[in-house]
C-alpha cells in the first residue's frame, strides 16, 4: 500500500513538473518608429509587425515575426525632392533571453534575430532582398498571466550587394496575449 501511494505521489509530482515546464505560447503586435542610421537618403519612418512567442526553456523564448516598415522621405535639396523613403518587409525569428511570457511584473530582456528583409524604393528603382540581423534590449511588463506589454530598442542591419548595408534603429511598443 505504501509503495502504491508513493508511486502515485511521484507520478503526480512528475506530471505537475512537466505541465509547469510546458512551453507557453503568445501572439502579439507591435508598432513604433524606424530611425535610419548613416543614411541621408532616408528620414524617420514607421514600423508595424506581428510576432508569436514560444517559451522554449525557463529563460529562452523564440519569436517568429513579420514586420513592415517605411522610412520617411528625405529632406528636399534646394526645394527638389530627390527620392522617397524605402519600404522594408521582413520575416524572421528572434531569440529572447529573459522576459518570459505569462510572468507578472517588470521583465528585462536581450534579444538577437535573423531574417529575410526586402528593401524597395519605387522612385530610385532600388529592390534588394537579403538576410539581415537585429538585436537589442527590451523590458516587458506582465499585467496578468494572459497579457504582456513590451518596449524594445533594436538595431537592424541588412547587408547589400554593393558591400554596404541599410541600418535602422527600431523603437517599438507592443502587446502580447498569452494563450
C-alpha atoms as a PDB file:
ATOM      1  CA  UNK A   1       0.000   0.000   0.000  1.00  0.00           C
ATOM      2  CA  UNK A   2       2.819   2.413   0.891  1.00  0.00           C
ATOM      3  CA  UNK A   3       4.580   1.665  -2.401  1.00  0.00           C
ATOM      4  CA  UNK A   4       1.413   2.295  -4.401  1.00  0.00           C
ATOM      5  CA  UNK A   5       0.786   5.574  -2.561  1.00  0.00           C
ATOM      6  CA  UNK A   6       4.443   6.623  -3.018  1.00  0.00           C
ATOM      7  CA  UNK A   7       4.298   5.716  -6.729  1.00  0.00           C
ATOM      8  CA  UNK A   8       1.087   7.746  -7.158  1.00  0.00           C
ATOM      9  CA  UNK A   9       2.656  10.781  -5.443  1.00  0.00           C
ATOM     10  CA  UNK A  10       5.774  10.514  -7.642  1.00  0.00           C
ATOM     11  CA  UNK A  11       3.622  10.282 -10.798  1.00  0.00           C
ATOM     12  CA  UNK A  12       1.526  13.293  -9.730  1.00  0.00           C
ATOM     13  CA  UNK A  13       4.659  15.351  -8.969  1.00  0.00           C
ATOM     14  CA  UNK A  14       6.207  14.379 -12.309  1.00  0.00           C
ATOM     15  CA  UNK A  15       3.025  15.335 -14.174  1.00  0.00           C
ATOM     16  CA  UNK A  16       2.828  18.716 -12.437  1.00  0.00           C
ATOM     17  CA  UNK A  17       6.526  19.351 -13.178  1.00  0.00           C
ATOM     18  CA  UNK A  18       6.014  18.513 -16.856  1.00  0.00           C
ATOM     19  CA  UNK A  19       2.923  20.728 -17.009  1.00  0.00           C
ATOM     20  CA  UNK A  20       4.751  23.678 -15.408  1.00  0.00           C
ATOM     21  CA  UNK A  21       7.618  23.227 -17.898  1.00  0.00           C
ATOM     22  CA  UNK A  22       5.302  23.123 -20.918  1.00  0.00           C
ATOM     23  CA  UNK A  23       6.004  25.904 -23.414  1.00  0.00           C
ATOM     24  CA  UNK A  24       3.887  28.999 -23.035  1.00  0.00           C
ATOM     25  CA  UNK A  25       2.692  30.460 -26.306  1.00  0.00           C
ATOM     26  CA  UNK A  26       1.639  34.007 -27.064  1.00  0.00           C
ATOM     27  CA  UNK A  27       0.696  36.164 -30.037  1.00  0.00           C
ATOM     28  CA  UNK A  28       1.052  39.900 -30.326  1.00  0.00           C
ATOM     29  CA  UNK A  29       1.510  43.039 -32.355  1.00  0.00           C
ATOM     30  CA  UNK A  30       3.924  45.963 -32.203  1.00  0.00           C
ATOM     31  CA  UNK A  31       4.367  49.418 -33.697  1.00  0.00           C
ATOM     32  CA  UNK A  32       6.903  52.198 -33.476  1.00  0.00           C
ATOM     33  CA  UNK A  33       9.477  54.289 -35.262  1.00  0.00           C
ATOM     34  CA  UNK A  34      12.311  53.266 -37.625  1.00  0.00           C
ATOM     35  CA  UNK A  35      15.230  55.718 -37.493  1.00  0.00           C
ATOM     36  CA  UNK A  36      17.762  55.342 -40.351  1.00  0.00           C
ATOM     37  CA  UNK A  37      21.411  55.285 -39.300  1.00  0.00           C
ATOM     38  CA  UNK A  38      24.011  56.989 -41.551  1.00  0.00           C
ATOM     39  CA  UNK A  39      21.584  57.267 -44.480  1.00  0.00           C
ATOM     40  CA  UNK A  40      20.983  60.733 -45.892  1.00  0.00           C
ATOM     41  CA  UNK A  41      18.570  59.309 -48.472  1.00  0.00           C
ATOM     42  CA  UNK A  42      16.017  58.327 -45.784  1.00  0.00           C
ATOM     43  CA  UNK A  43      14.179  60.011 -42.901  1.00  0.00           C
ATOM     44  CA  UNK A  44      12.459  58.621 -39.805  1.00  0.00           C
ATOM     45  CA  UNK A  45       9.565  56.331 -40.590  1.00  0.00           C
ATOM     46  CA  UNK A  46       7.142  53.848 -39.100  1.00  0.00           C
ATOM     47  CA  UNK A  47       7.307  50.135 -38.301  1.00  0.00           C
ATOM     48  CA  UNK A  48       4.466  47.676 -37.646  1.00  0.00           C
ATOM     49  CA  UNK A  49       4.513  43.952 -37.094  1.00  0.00           C
ATOM     50  CA  UNK A  50       3.198  40.708 -35.656  1.00  0.00           C
ATOM     51  CA  UNK A  51       5.016  38.172 -33.519  1.00  0.00           C
ATOM     52  CA  UNK A  52       4.454  34.850 -31.821  1.00  0.00           C
ATOM     53  CA  UNK A  53       6.197  33.977 -28.556  1.00  0.00           C
ATOM     54  CA  UNK A  54       7.141  30.397 -27.754  1.00  0.00           C
ATOM     55  CA  UNK A  55       8.798  29.617 -24.413  1.00  0.00           C
ATOM     56  CA  UNK A  56      11.494  27.006 -25.121  1.00  0.00           C
ATOM     57  CA  UNK A  57      13.369  26.942 -21.803  1.00  0.00           C
ATOM     58  CA  UNK A  58      12.871  28.647 -18.437  1.00  0.00           C
ATOM     59  CA  UNK A  59      14.994  31.574 -19.714  1.00  0.00           C
ATOM     60  CA  UNK A  60      14.675  31.382 -23.535  1.00  0.00           C
ATOM     61  CA  UNK A  61      11.836  32.437 -25.856  1.00  0.00           C
ATOM     62  CA  UNK A  62      11.662  32.058 -29.655  1.00  0.00           C
ATOM     63  CA  UNK A  63       9.787  34.798 -31.515  1.00  0.00           C
ATOM     64  CA  UNK A  64       8.882  34.200 -35.159  1.00  0.00           C
ATOM     65  CA  UNK A  65       7.860  37.596 -36.555  1.00  0.00           C
ATOM     66  CA  UNK A  66       6.738  39.655 -39.539  1.00  0.00           C
ATOM     67  CA  UNK A  67       7.419  43.389 -39.884  1.00  0.00           C
ATOM     68  CA  UNK A  68       6.678  46.076 -42.398  1.00  0.00           C
ATOM     69  CA  UNK A  69       8.275  49.493 -42.309  1.00  0.00           C
ATOM     70  CA  UNK A  70       8.620  52.634 -44.378  1.00  0.00           C
ATOM     71  CA  UNK A  71      11.356  55.175 -43.969  1.00  0.00           C
ATOM     72  CA  UNK A  72      10.272  58.758 -44.457  1.00  0.00           C
ATOM     73  CA  UNK A  73      11.085  60.984 -47.436  1.00  0.00           C
ATOM     74  CA  UNK A  74      14.498  62.682 -47.199  1.00  0.00           C
ATOM     75  CA  UNK A  75      14.760  66.457 -46.899  1.00  0.00           C
ATOM     76  CA  UNK A  76      14.453  68.329 -50.190  1.00  0.00           C
ATOM     77  CA  UNK A  77      17.645  69.782 -51.685  1.00  0.00           C
ATOM     78  CA  UNK A  78      17.014  73.327 -52.978  1.00  0.00           C
ATOM     79  CA  UNK A  79      13.278  72.576 -52.989  1.00  0.00           C
ATOM     80  CA  UNK A  80      13.674  69.415 -55.095  1.00  0.00           C
ATOM     81  CA  UNK A  81      12.734  66.030 -53.608  1.00  0.00           C
ATOM     82  CA  UNK A  82      15.284  63.536 -54.939  1.00  0.00           C
ATOM     83  CA  UNK A  83      13.702  60.355 -53.592  1.00  0.00           C
ATOM     84  CA  UNK A  84      11.089  58.904 -51.305  1.00  0.00           C
ATOM     85  CA  UNK A  85      11.569  56.676 -48.291  1.00  0.00           C
ATOM     86  CA  UNK A  86      12.218  52.990 -48.878  1.00  0.00           C
ATOM     87  CA  UNK A  87       9.789  50.238 -47.881  1.00  0.00           C
ATOM     88  CA  UNK A  88      11.008  47.280 -45.830  1.00  0.00           C
ATOM     89  CA  UNK A  89       9.317  43.914 -45.390  1.00  0.00           C
ATOM     90  CA  UNK A  90      10.846  41.281 -43.136  1.00  0.00           C
ATOM     91  CA  UNK A  91      10.205  37.737 -41.931  1.00  0.00           C
ATOM     92  CA  UNK A  92      12.452  36.422 -39.187  1.00  0.00           C
ATOM     93  CA  UNK A  93      12.969  34.811 -35.827  1.00  0.00           C
ATOM     94  CA  UNK A  94      14.343  36.318 -32.641  1.00  0.00           C
ATOM     95  CA  UNK A  95      15.790  34.539 -29.613  1.00  0.00           C
ATOM     96  CA  UNK A  96      14.929  36.351 -26.384  1.00  0.00           C
ATOM     97  CA  UNK A  97      16.873  35.840 -23.172  1.00  0.00           C
ATOM     98  CA  UNK A  98      14.532  36.795 -20.311  1.00  0.00           C
ATOM     99  CA  UNK A  99      11.126  38.494 -20.493  1.00  0.00           C
ATOM    100  CA  UNK A 100       9.211  35.236 -20.220  1.00  0.00           C
ATOM    101  CA  UNK A 101       5.546  35.205 -21.238  1.00  0.00           C
ATOM    102  CA  UNK A 102       2.949  34.819 -18.516  1.00  0.00           C
ATOM    103  CA  UNK A 103       5.103  36.147 -15.650  1.00  0.00           C
ATOM    104  CA  UNK A 104       3.905  39.208 -13.745  1.00  0.00           C
ATOM    105  CA  UNK A 105       5.923  42.386 -13.140  1.00  0.00           C
ATOM    106  CA  UNK A 106       8.873  44.020 -14.920  1.00  0.00           C
ATOM    107  CA  UNK A 107      10.893  41.654 -17.120  1.00  0.00           C
ATOM    108  CA  UNK A 108      14.065  42.993 -18.790  1.00  0.00           C
ATOM    109  CA  UNK A 109      15.404  41.006 -21.742  1.00  0.00           C
ATOM    110  CA  UNK A 110      18.020  40.854 -24.510  1.00  0.00           C
ATOM    111  CA  UNK A 111      17.290  39.583 -27.998  1.00  0.00           C
ATOM    112  CA  UNK A 112      19.053  38.730 -31.263  1.00  0.00           C
ATOM    113  CA  UNK A 113      17.448  37.800 -34.539  1.00  0.00           C
ATOM    114  CA  UNK A 114      17.910  36.869 -38.158  1.00  0.00           C
ATOM    115  CA  UNK A 115      15.519  37.195 -41.055  1.00  0.00           C
ATOM    116  CA  UNK A 116      14.880  37.817 -44.719  1.00  0.00           C
ATOM    117  CA  UNK A 117      14.409  41.518 -45.478  1.00  0.00           C
ATOM    118  CA  UNK A 118      13.232  43.079 -48.729  1.00  0.00           C
ATOM    119  CA  UNK A 119      14.016  46.778 -49.258  1.00  0.00           C
ATOM    120  CA  UNK A 120      12.323  48.601 -52.157  1.00  0.00           C
ATOM    121  CA  UNK A 121      12.240  52.185 -53.387  1.00  0.00           C
ATOM    122  CA  UNK A 122       9.888  52.900 -56.308  1.00  0.00           C
ATOM    123  CA  UNK A 123      11.492  56.246 -57.250  1.00  0.00           C
ATOM    124  CA  UNK A 124      15.114  55.063 -57.388  1.00  0.00           C
ATOM    125  CA  UNK A 125      14.316  51.540 -58.594  1.00  0.00           C
ATOM    126  CA  UNK A 126      16.233  50.018 -55.660  1.00  0.00           C
ATOM    127  CA  UNK A 127      14.960  46.494 -54.932  1.00  0.00           C
ATOM    128  CA  UNK A 128      17.043  44.013 -52.917  1.00  0.00           C
ATOM    129  CA  UNK A 129      16.301  41.107 -50.599  1.00  0.00           C
ATOM    130  CA  UNK A 130      18.956  39.854 -48.210  1.00  0.00           C
ATOM    131  CA  UNK A 131      19.477  38.154 -44.885  1.00  0.00           C
ATOM    132  CA  UNK A 132      19.545  40.755 -42.122  1.00  0.00           C
ATOM    133  CA  UNK A 133      20.275  40.817 -38.418  1.00  0.00           C
ATOM    134  CA  UNK A 134      18.833  42.588 -35.426  1.00  0.00           C
ATOM    135  CA  UNK A 135      19.486  42.747 -31.744  1.00  0.00           C
ATOM    136  CA  UNK A 136      18.647  44.880 -28.778  1.00  0.00           C
ATOM    137  CA  UNK A 137      17.203  45.339 -25.340  1.00  0.00           C
ATOM    138  CA  UNK A 138      13.697  45.489 -24.018  1.00  0.00           C
ATOM    139  CA  UNK A 139      11.507  45.490 -20.981  1.00  0.00           C
ATOM    140  CA  UNK A 140       8.330  43.513 -20.634  1.00  0.00           C
ATOM    141  CA  UNK A 141       5.546  44.417 -18.271  1.00  0.00           C
ATOM    142  CA  UNK A 142       3.407  41.474 -17.219  1.00  0.00           C
ATOM    143  CA  UNK A 143      -0.025  42.910 -16.431  1.00  0.00           C
ATOM    144  CA  UNK A 144      -1.522  39.453 -15.880  1.00  0.00           C
ATOM    145  CA  UNK A 145      -0.611  35.872 -16.841  1.00  0.00           C
ATOM    146  CA  UNK A 146      -2.551  36.439 -20.086  1.00  0.00           C
ATOM    147  CA  UNK A 147      -1.352  39.951 -21.049  1.00  0.00           C
ATOM    148  CA  UNK A 148       2.137  41.440 -21.529  1.00  0.00           C
ATOM    149  CA  UNK A 149       3.248  44.851 -22.746  1.00  0.00           C
ATOM    150  CA  UNK A 150       6.778  45.441 -24.008  1.00  0.00           C
ATOM    151  CA  UNK A 151       9.070  48.262 -25.082  1.00  0.00           C
ATOM    152  CA  UNK A 152      12.099  47.482 -27.259  1.00  0.00           C
ATOM    153  CA  UNK A 153      15.073  49.179 -28.797  1.00  0.00           C
ATOM    154  CA  UNK A 154      16.744  47.295 -31.646  1.00  0.00           C
ATOM    155  CA  UNK A 155      19.443  47.754 -34.251  1.00  0.00           C
ATOM    156  CA  UNK A 156      18.547  46.365 -37.690  1.00  0.00           C
ATOM    157  CA  UNK A 157      21.356  45.744 -40.214  1.00  0.00           C
ATOM    158  CA  UNK A 158      20.653  44.449 -43.734  1.00  0.00           C
ATOM    159  CA  UNK A 159      23.813  43.937 -45.860  1.00  0.00           C
ATOM    160  CA  UNK A 160      23.522  44.983 -49.519  1.00  0.00           C
ATOM    161  CA  UNK A 161      25.054  43.552 -52.696  1.00  0.00           C
ATOM    162  CA  UNK A 162      27.311  46.602 -53.204  1.00  0.00           C
ATOM    163  CA  UNK A 163      29.124  45.880 -49.932  1.00  0.00           C
ATOM    164  CA  UNK A 164      27.234  48.494 -47.907  1.00  0.00           C
ATOM    165  CA  UNK A 165      24.256  47.996 -45.664  1.00  0.00           C
ATOM    166  CA  UNK A 166      20.958  49.563 -44.679  1.00  0.00           C
ATOM    167  CA  UNK A 167      20.740  50.228 -40.955  1.00  0.00           C
ATOM    168  CA  UNK A 168      17.956  51.400 -38.706  1.00  0.00           C
ATOM    169  CA  UNK A 169      17.198  51.845 -35.029  1.00  0.00           C
ATOM    170  CA  UNK A 170      13.772  50.423 -34.233  1.00  0.00           C
ATOM    171  CA  UNK A 171      11.928  51.701 -31.174  1.00  0.00           C
ATOM    172  CA  UNK A 172       8.707  49.775 -30.652  1.00  0.00           C
ATOM    173  CA  UNK A 173       5.950  49.113 -28.163  1.00  0.00           C
ATOM    174  CA  UNK A 174       3.763  46.063 -28.277  1.00  0.00           C
ATOM    175  CA  UNK A 175       1.161  43.904 -26.635  1.00  0.00           C
ATOM    176  CA  UNK A 176       1.147  40.100 -26.355  1.00  0.00           C
ATOM    177  CA  UNK A 177      -1.750  37.834 -25.390  1.00  0.00           C
ATOM    178  CA  UNK A 178      -0.505  34.600 -23.788  1.00  0.00           C
ATOM    179  CA  UNK A 179      -2.510  31.516 -24.650  1.00  0.00           C
END
